[in-house]
C-alpha atoms as a PDB file:
ATOM      1  CA  MET A   1     -41.372  43.425 202.135  1.00  0.00           C
ATOM      2  CA  LYS A   2     -39.766  45.888 199.755  1.00  0.00           C
ATOM      3  CA  TRP A   3     -36.786  46.239 202.120  1.00  0.00           C
ATOM      4  CA  VAL A   4     -36.085  42.547 201.646  1.00  0.00           C
ATOM      5  CA  TYR A   5     -35.969  43.057 197.874  1.00  0.00           C
ATOM      6  CA  ILE A   6     -33.732  46.107 198.258  1.00  0.00           C
ATOM      7  CA  ALA A   7     -31.352  44.222 200.581  1.00  0.00           C
ATOM      8  CA  ALA A   8     -31.230  41.273 198.179  1.00  0.00           C
ATOM      9  CA  GLY A   9     -30.466  43.600 195.261  1.00  0.00           C
ATOM     10  CA  ILE A  10     -27.664  45.314 197.202  1.00  0.00           C
ATOM     11  CA  ALA A  11     -26.210  41.957 198.249  1.00  0.00           C
ATOM     12  CA  LEU A  12     -26.231  40.733 194.635  1.00  0.00           C
ATOM     13  CA  TYR A  13     -24.584  43.950 193.457  1.00  0.00           C
ATOM     14  CA  VAL A  14     -21.848  43.666 196.098  1.00  0.00           C
ATOM     15  CA  LYS A  15     -21.294  40.037 195.156  1.00  0.00           C
ATOM     16  CA  MET A  16     -20.757  40.966 191.492  1.00  0.00           C
ATOM     17  CA  LEU A  17     -18.280  43.715 192.452  1.00  0.00           C
ATOM     18  CA  ILE A  18     -16.245  41.903 195.089  1.00  0.00           C
ATOM     19  CA  LEU A  19     -16.418  38.150 194.593  1.00  0.00           C
ATOM     20  CA  PRO A  20     -14.700  36.813 191.472  1.00  0.00           C
ATOM     21  CA  ASN A  21     -16.499  34.546 189.043  1.00  0.00           C
ATOM     22  CA  PRO A  22     -15.385  30.912 189.304  1.00  0.00           C
ATOM     23  CA  GLU A  23     -13.226  29.747 186.430  1.00  0.00           C
ATOM     24  CA  LEU A  24     -14.205  26.581 184.640  1.00  0.00           C
ATOM     25  CA  ASP A  25     -11.619  23.846 184.387  1.00  0.00           C
ATOM     26  CA  LEU A  26     -11.872  23.225 180.652  1.00  0.00           C
ATOM     27  CA  PRO A  27      -9.672  20.974 178.547  1.00  0.00           C
ATOM     28  CA  ASP A  28      -6.954  22.568 176.471  1.00  0.00           C
ATOM     29  CA  PHE A  29      -8.988  23.225 173.325  1.00  0.00           C
ATOM     30  CA  SER A  30     -11.358  25.875 172.037  1.00  0.00           C
ATOM     31  CA  ILE A  31     -15.056  25.045 172.243  1.00  0.00           C
ATOM     32  CA  VAL A  32     -15.768  27.390 169.333  1.00  0.00           C
ATOM     33  CA  GLU A  33     -13.167  25.682 167.156  1.00  0.00           C
ATOM     34  CA  SER A  34     -14.677  22.302 168.012  1.00  0.00           C
ATOM     35  CA  ILE A  35     -18.189  23.473 167.067  1.00  0.00           C
ATOM     36  CA  VAL A  36     -16.973  25.019 163.808  1.00  0.00           C
ATOM     37  CA  LYS A  37     -15.127  21.814 162.915  1.00  0.00           C
ATOM     38  CA  ASP A  38     -18.233  19.681 163.577  1.00  0.00           C
ATOM     39  CA  GLY A  39     -20.473  21.902 161.450  1.00  0.00           C
ATOM     40  CA  GLY A  40     -18.039  22.565 158.626  1.00  0.00           C
ATOM     41  CA  ILE A  41     -18.823  26.300 158.510  1.00  0.00           C
ATOM     42  CA  PRO A  42     -17.188  29.327 160.204  1.00  0.00           C
ATOM     43  CA  ASN A  43     -20.413  30.595 161.853  1.00  0.00           C
ATOM     44  CA  ALA A  44     -20.487  28.778 165.208  1.00  0.00           C
ATOM     45  CA  VAL A  45     -23.855  30.289 166.188  1.00  0.00           C
ATOM     46  CA  THR A  46     -25.517  28.817 163.105  1.00  0.00           C
ATOM     47  CA  VAL A  47     -23.985  25.416 163.849  1.00  0.00           C
ATOM     48  CA  ILE A  48     -25.461  25.516 167.358  1.00  0.00           C
ATOM     49  CA  ILE A  49     -28.912  26.610 166.155  1.00  0.00           C
ATOM     50  CA  LEU A  50     -29.218  24.301 163.146  1.00  0.00           C
ATOM     51  CA  ARG A  51     -27.171  21.317 164.298  1.00  0.00           C
ATOM     52  CA  ASN A  52     -26.340  21.056 168.005  1.00  0.00           C
ATOM     53  CA  ARG A  53     -29.751  22.370 169.144  1.00  0.00           C
ATOM     54  CA  LEU A  54     -31.827  21.450 166.107  1.00  0.00           C
ATOM     55  CA  TYR A  55     -34.662  20.128 168.287  1.00  0.00           C
ATOM     56  CA  ASP A  56     -35.124  23.626 169.719  1.00  0.00           C
ATOM     57  CA  THR A  57     -35.092  25.224 166.275  1.00  0.00           C
ATOM     58  CA  ILE A  58     -37.739  22.827 164.960  1.00  0.00           C
ATOM     59  CA  PHE A  59     -40.142  23.808 167.715  1.00  0.00           C
ATOM     60  CA  GLU A  60     -39.293  27.508 167.344  1.00  0.00           C
ATOM     61  CA  VAL A  61     -40.428  27.274 163.710  1.00  0.00           C
ATOM     62  CA  VAL A  62     -43.549  25.371 164.776  1.00  0.00           C
ATOM     63  CA  VAL A  63     -44.352  27.962 167.484  1.00  0.00           C
ATOM     64  CA  PHE A  64     -44.024  30.775 164.931  1.00  0.00           C
ATOM     65  CA  THR A  65     -46.431  28.907 162.644  1.00  0.00           C
ATOM     66  CA  ILE A  66     -48.922  28.464 165.484  1.00  0.00           C
ATOM     67  CA  ALA A  67     -48.662  32.183 166.311  1.00  0.00           C
ATOM     68  CA  ILE A  68     -49.647  33.079 162.733  1.00  0.00           C
ATOM     69  CA  MET A  69     -52.581  30.667 162.862  1.00  0.00           C
ATOM     70  CA  GLY A  70     -53.591  32.193 166.203  1.00  0.00           C
ATOM     71  CA  ALA A  71     -53.662  35.686 164.697  1.00  0.00           C
ATOM     72  CA  TYR A  72     -56.025  34.437 161.991  1.00  0.00           C
ATOM     73  CA  PHE A  73     -58.192  32.614 164.537  1.00  0.00           C
ATOM     74  CA  LEU A  74     -58.498  35.462 167.051  1.00  0.00           C
ATOM     75  CA  LEU A  75     -59.406  38.062 164.421  1.00  0.00           C
ATOM     76  CA  ALA A  76     -61.626  35.842 162.254  1.00  0.00           C
ATOM     77  CA  ASN A  77     -64.882  36.962 163.901  1.00  0.00           C
ATOM     78  CA  GLU A  78     -64.094  40.684 163.826  1.00  0.00           C
ATOM     79  CA  ARG A  79     -65.263  43.115 161.201  1.00  0.00           C
ATOM     80  CA  PRO A  80     -62.651  44.393 158.790  1.00  0.00           C
ATOM     81  CA  SER A  81     -61.512  47.923 159.535  1.00  0.00           C
ATOM     82  CA  CYS A  82     -63.187  50.629 157.494  1.00  0.00           C
ATOM     83  CA  ALA A  83     -60.181  52.973 157.587  1.00  0.00           C
ATOM     84  CA  ILE A  84     -56.789  51.782 156.322  1.00  0.00           C
ATOM     85  CA  TYR A  85     -53.903  54.102 157.177  1.00  0.00           C
ATOM     86  CA  HIS A  86     -50.756  54.332 155.053  1.00  0.00           C
ATOM     87  CA  PHE A  87     -48.300  56.965 153.867  1.00  0.00           C
ATOM     88  CA  THR A  88     -49.484  59.177 151.047  1.00  0.00           C
ATOM     89  CA  ASP A  89     -46.789  61.888 150.852  1.00  0.00           C
ATOM     90  CA  LYS A  90     -44.090  61.297 148.243  1.00  0.00           C
ATOM     91  CA  PRO A  91     -40.988  61.759 150.465  1.00  0.00           C
ATOM     92  CA  SER A  92     -42.194  59.161 152.968  1.00  0.00           C
ATOM     93  CA  ILE A  93     -43.071  56.713 150.189  1.00  0.00           C
ATOM     94  CA  VAL A  94     -39.657  57.109 148.538  1.00  0.00           C
ATOM     95  CA  LEU A  95     -37.774  56.668 151.821  1.00  0.00           C
ATOM     96  CA  ALA A  96     -39.867  53.683 152.896  1.00  0.00           C
ATOM     97  CA  ARG A  97     -39.421  51.898 149.573  1.00  0.00           C
ATOM     98  CA  LEU A  98     -35.698  52.660 149.559  1.00  0.00           C
ATOM     99  CA  GLY A  99     -35.498  51.118 153.025  1.00  0.00           C
ATOM    100  CA  ALA A 100     -37.525  48.138 151.791  1.00  0.00           C
ATOM    101  CA  THR A 101     -35.082  47.591 148.916  1.00  0.00           C
ATOM    102  CA  ILE A 102     -32.101  47.662 151.280  1.00  0.00           C
ATOM    103  CA  ALA A 103     -33.840  45.343 153.763  1.00  0.00           C
ATOM    104  CA  ALA A 104     -34.733  42.891 150.972  1.00  0.00           C
ATOM    105  CA  LEU A 105     -31.134  42.784 149.726  1.00  0.00           C
ATOM    106  CA  VAL A 106     -29.872  42.245 153.273  1.00  0.00           C
ATOM    107  CA  SER A 107     -32.431  39.460 153.709  1.00  0.00           C
ATOM    108  CA  ILE A 108     -31.200  37.641 150.591  1.00  0.00           C
ATOM    109  CA  GLU A 109     -27.568  38.067 151.643  1.00  0.00           C
ATOM    110  CA  LEU A 110     -28.213  36.729 155.156  1.00  0.00           C
ATOM    111  CA  ALA A 111     -30.207  33.779 153.850  1.00  0.00           C
ATOM    112  CA  ILE A 112     -27.597  32.709 151.287  1.00  0.00           C
ATOM    113  CA  ARG A 113     -24.401  33.524 153.215  1.00  0.00           C
ATOM    114  CA  GLY A 114     -25.615  33.445 156.807  1.00  0.00           C
ATOM    115  CA  HIS A 115     -23.651  30.251 157.487  1.00  0.00           C
ATOM    116  CA  LEU A 116     -20.394  32.002 156.549  1.00  0.00           C
ATOM    117  CA  SER A 117     -20.814  35.301 158.403  1.00  0.00           C
ATOM    118  CA  PRO A 118     -22.949  36.790 161.188  1.00  0.00           C
ATOM    119  CA  GLY A 119     -26.574  36.219 160.254  1.00  0.00           C
ATOM    120  CA  GLY A 120     -28.807  33.300 159.437  1.00  0.00           C
ATOM    121  CA  GLY A 121     -32.343  32.261 158.627  1.00  0.00           C
ATOM    122  CA  PHE A 122     -34.159  34.073 161.424  1.00  0.00           C
ATOM    123  CA  ALA A 123     -32.282  37.333 160.844  1.00  0.00           C
ATOM    124  CA  ALA A 124     -32.906  37.028 157.097  1.00  0.00           C
ATOM    125  CA  GLY A 125     -36.615  36.428 157.704  1.00  0.00           C
ATOM    126  CA  VAL A 126     -36.856  39.471 159.960  1.00  0.00           C
ATOM    127  CA  ALA A 127     -35.151  41.624 157.320  1.00  0.00           C
ATOM    128  CA  GLY A 128     -37.543  40.274 154.682  1.00  0.00           C
ATOM    129  CA  GLY A 129     -40.544  40.922 156.915  1.00  0.00           C
ATOM    130  CA  THR A 130     -39.287  44.472 157.477  1.00  0.00           C
ATOM    131  CA  ALA A 131     -39.101  45.031 153.723  1.00  0.00           C
ATOM    132  CA  ILE A 132     -42.648  43.749 153.294  1.00  0.00           C
ATOM    133  CA  GLY A 133     -43.880  45.945 156.149  1.00  0.00           C
ATOM    134  CA  LEU A 134     -42.307  49.054 154.616  1.00  0.00           C
ATOM    135  CA  ILE A 135     -43.994  48.310 151.300  1.00  0.00           C
ATOM    136  CA  ALA A 136     -47.310  47.681 153.077  1.00  0.00           C
ATOM    137  CA  ILE A 137     -47.376  51.102 154.725  1.00  0.00           C
ATOM    138  CA  THR A 138     -46.913  52.819 151.361  1.00  0.00           C
ATOM    139  CA  SER A 139     -49.299  50.725 149.237  1.00  0.00           C
ATOM    140  CA  SER A 140     -52.979  49.910 149.065  1.00  0.00           C
ATOM    141  CA  PRO A 141     -54.089  46.782 150.985  1.00  0.00           C
ATOM    142  CA  GLU A 142     -55.848  45.419 147.894  1.00  0.00           C
ATOM    143  CA  TRP A 143     -52.578  45.505 145.940  1.00  0.00           C
ATOM    144  CA  MET A 144     -50.682  43.768 148.766  1.00  0.00           C
ATOM    145  CA  GLN A 145     -53.385  41.103 149.083  1.00  0.00           C
ATOM    146  CA  GLY A 146     -53.396  40.571 145.318  1.00  0.00           C
ATOM    147  CA  ILE A 147     -49.620  40.021 145.231  1.00  0.00           C
ATOM    148  CA  TYR A 148     -49.882  37.640 148.197  1.00  0.00           C
ATOM    149  CA  GLN A 149     -52.505  35.520 146.475  1.00  0.00           C
ATOM    150  CA  ARG A 150     -50.974  35.691 142.992  1.00  0.00           C
ATOM    151  CA  TRP A 151     -47.662  34.242 144.167  1.00  0.00           C
ATOM    152  CA  HIS A 152     -49.367  31.693 146.459  1.00  0.00           C
ATOM    153  CA  ALA A 153     -47.349  32.939 149.428  1.00  0.00           C
ATOM    154  CA  ALA A 154     -49.462  31.018 151.945  1.00  0.00           C
ATOM    155  CA  THR A 155     -48.741  27.753 150.134  1.00  0.00           C
ATOM    156  CA  TRP A 156     -45.007  28.445 149.946  1.00  0.00           C
ATOM    157  CA  GLU A 157     -44.977  29.247 153.654  1.00  0.00           C
ATOM    158  CA  LYS A 158     -46.507  25.864 154.512  1.00  0.00           C
ATOM    159  CA  VAL A 159     -44.220  24.041 152.091  1.00  0.00           C
ATOM    160  CA  SER A 160     -41.130  25.661 153.644  1.00  0.00           C
ATOM    161  CA  VAL A 161     -42.196  24.487 157.107  1.00  0.00           C
ATOM    162  CA  LEU A 162     -42.818  20.929 155.947  1.00  0.00           C
ATOM    163  CA  VAL A 163     -39.535  20.703 154.030  1.00  0.00           C
ATOM    164  CA  PHE A 164     -37.653  22.159 157.013  1.00  0.00           C
ATOM    165  CA  ILE A 165     -39.139  19.560 159.364  1.00  0.00           C
ATOM    166  CA  VAL A 166     -38.371  16.705 156.948  1.00  0.00           C
ATOM    167  CA  LEU A 167     -34.748  17.793 156.468  1.00  0.00           C
ATOM    168  CA  ALA A 168     -34.342  18.341 160.211  1.00  0.00           C
ATOM    169  CA  VAL A 169     -35.683  14.864 161.025  1.00  0.00           C
ATOM    170  CA  ILE A 170     -33.369  13.294 158.438  1.00  0.00           C
ATOM    171  CA  THR A 171     -30.429  15.181 159.951  1.00  0.00           C
ATOM    172  CA  LEU A 172     -31.360  14.137 163.494  1.00  0.00           C
ATOM    173  CA  ALA A 173     -31.557  10.540 162.273  1.00  0.00           C
ATOM    174  CA  GLY A 174     -27.846  10.762 161.465  1.00  0.00           C
ATOM    175  CA  VAL A 175     -27.970  11.308 157.700  1.00  0.00           C
ATOM    176  CA  GLU A 176     -25.845  14.321 156.724  1.00  0.00           C
ATOM    177  CA  LEU A 177     -24.788  15.849 153.437  1.00  0.00           C
ATOM    178  CA  PRO A 178     -21.055  16.308 152.772  1.00  0.00           C
ATOM    179  CA  HIS A 179     -19.727  19.366 154.574  1.00  0.00           C
ATOM    180  CA  GLY A 180     -17.740  20.659 151.620  1.00  0.00           C
ATOM    181  CA  GLU A 181     -14.794  23.019 151.851  1.00  0.00           C
ATOM    182  CA  MET A 182     -14.666  25.245 154.933  1.00  0.00           C
ATOM    183  CA  GLY A 183     -15.631  28.818 154.041  1.00  0.00           C
ATOM    184  CA  ALA A 184     -17.137  27.955 150.654  1.00  0.00           C
ATOM    185  CA  LEU A 185     -20.692  28.974 149.770  1.00  0.00           C
ATOM    186  CA  VAL A 186     -21.707  25.332 149.383  1.00  0.00           C
ATOM    187  CA  SER A 187     -20.529  24.032 152.750  1.00  0.00           C
ATOM    188  CA  GLY A 188     -21.995  22.909 156.029  1.00  0.00           C
ATOM    189  CA  GLY A 189     -24.103  20.115 154.576  1.00  0.00           C
ATOM    190  CA  VAL A 190     -27.810  20.768 155.089  1.00  0.00           C
ATOM    191  CA  ILE A 191     -27.313  23.921 157.194  1.00  0.00           C
ATOM    192  CA  PRO A 192     -27.495  26.424 154.279  1.00  0.00           C
ATOM    193  CA  LEU A 193     -30.750  24.828 153.092  1.00  0.00           C
ATOM    194  CA  LEU A 194     -32.241  25.058 156.582  1.00  0.00           C
ATOM    195  CA  ASN A 195     -31.172  28.706 156.745  1.00  0.00           C
ATOM    196  CA  ILE A 196     -32.968  29.525 153.497  1.00  0.00           C
ATOM    197  CA  LEU A 197     -36.115  27.646 154.540  1.00  0.00           C
ATOM    198  CA  VAL A 198     -36.268  29.481 157.874  1.00  0.00           C
ATOM    199  CA  ALA A 199     -35.809  32.816 156.093  1.00  0.00           C
ATOM    200  CA  VAL A 200     -38.662  32.035 153.670  1.00  0.00           C
ATOM    201  CA  LYS A 201     -40.907  30.886 156.507  1.00  0.00           C
ATOM    202  CA  VAL A 202     -40.324  33.938 158.719  1.00  0.00           C
ATOM    203  CA  ALA A 203     -40.629  36.451 155.859  1.00  0.00           C
ATOM    204  CA  LEU A 204     -43.838  34.963 154.434  1.00  0.00           C
ATOM    205  CA  GLY A 205     -45.289  34.465 157.897  1.00  0.00           C
ATOM    206  CA  SER A 206     -44.615  38.120 158.691  1.00  0.00           C
ATOM    207  CA  TRP A 207     -46.356  39.050 155.443  1.00  0.00           C
ATOM    208  CA  ALA A 208     -49.435  37.040 156.435  1.00  0.00           C
ATOM    209  CA  VAL A 209     -49.607  38.692 159.877  1.00  0.00           C
ATOM    210  CA  ILE A 210     -49.161  42.159 158.367  1.00  0.00           C
ATOM    211  CA  LEU A 211     -52.095  41.592 156.001  1.00  0.00           C
ATOM    212  CA  VAL A 212     -54.294  40.336 158.851  1.00  0.00           C
ATOM    213  CA  PHE A 213     -53.622  43.366 161.035  1.00  0.00           C
ATOM    214  CA  ILE A 214     -54.087  45.778 158.138  1.00  0.00           C
ATOM    215  CA  ARG A 215     -57.436  44.191 157.291  1.00  0.00           C
ATOM    216  CA  TYR A 216     -58.864  43.995 160.811  1.00  0.00           C
ATOM    217  CA  ARG A 217     -57.086  46.864 162.573  1.00  0.00           C
ATOM    218  CA  GLY A 218     -56.295  49.317 159.801  1.00  0.00           C
ATOM    219  CA  LEU A 219     -52.787  49.636 161.255  1.00  0.00           C
ATOM    220  CA  LEU A 220     -49.596  47.594 161.360  1.00  0.00           C
END
């Protein structure tokens, strides 16, 4: 049977080398320019994610929320780990916290200006989660848990999801904010707000998962 797979792989490779790709007969206009014009912002990818395919993005946010709840549920009956591992040497702590500072600044930049340049809510959330993870591996778990509870991060995470869903439903119903001037910070209607909400959700959700794995596994 493996010879069939090998023959199929060779045939596909030959096809890619010899046969040309069919050209699409598109109208005389740029699809990217059309998308940018509809969204009112220069980042076409963000327009697709938060406008043209907003249904998909809603359920991506919901799936991420369910994944966090699943981590809590699956580890709820386990005993907390007795040994918590984190960096203790000064050079590693300094480098990790320097990296966390840079990642946090990048996260804020991507969240606020992601609709004007490469980036967006998910990338900003990942950068924020990276910053939190770097702080977690250089700090005590009690301190991290105390900060998480003091700032009510779990509540803000849930609020960001609810507000995102409400704004998305309003947008899908046909109600849009003014697009503003192309290239300005306040442009794109509701898209910048959705970007910020996604960034908050992903960053705080990553923080929650990090705390769960530190508590029950002792490792990130």
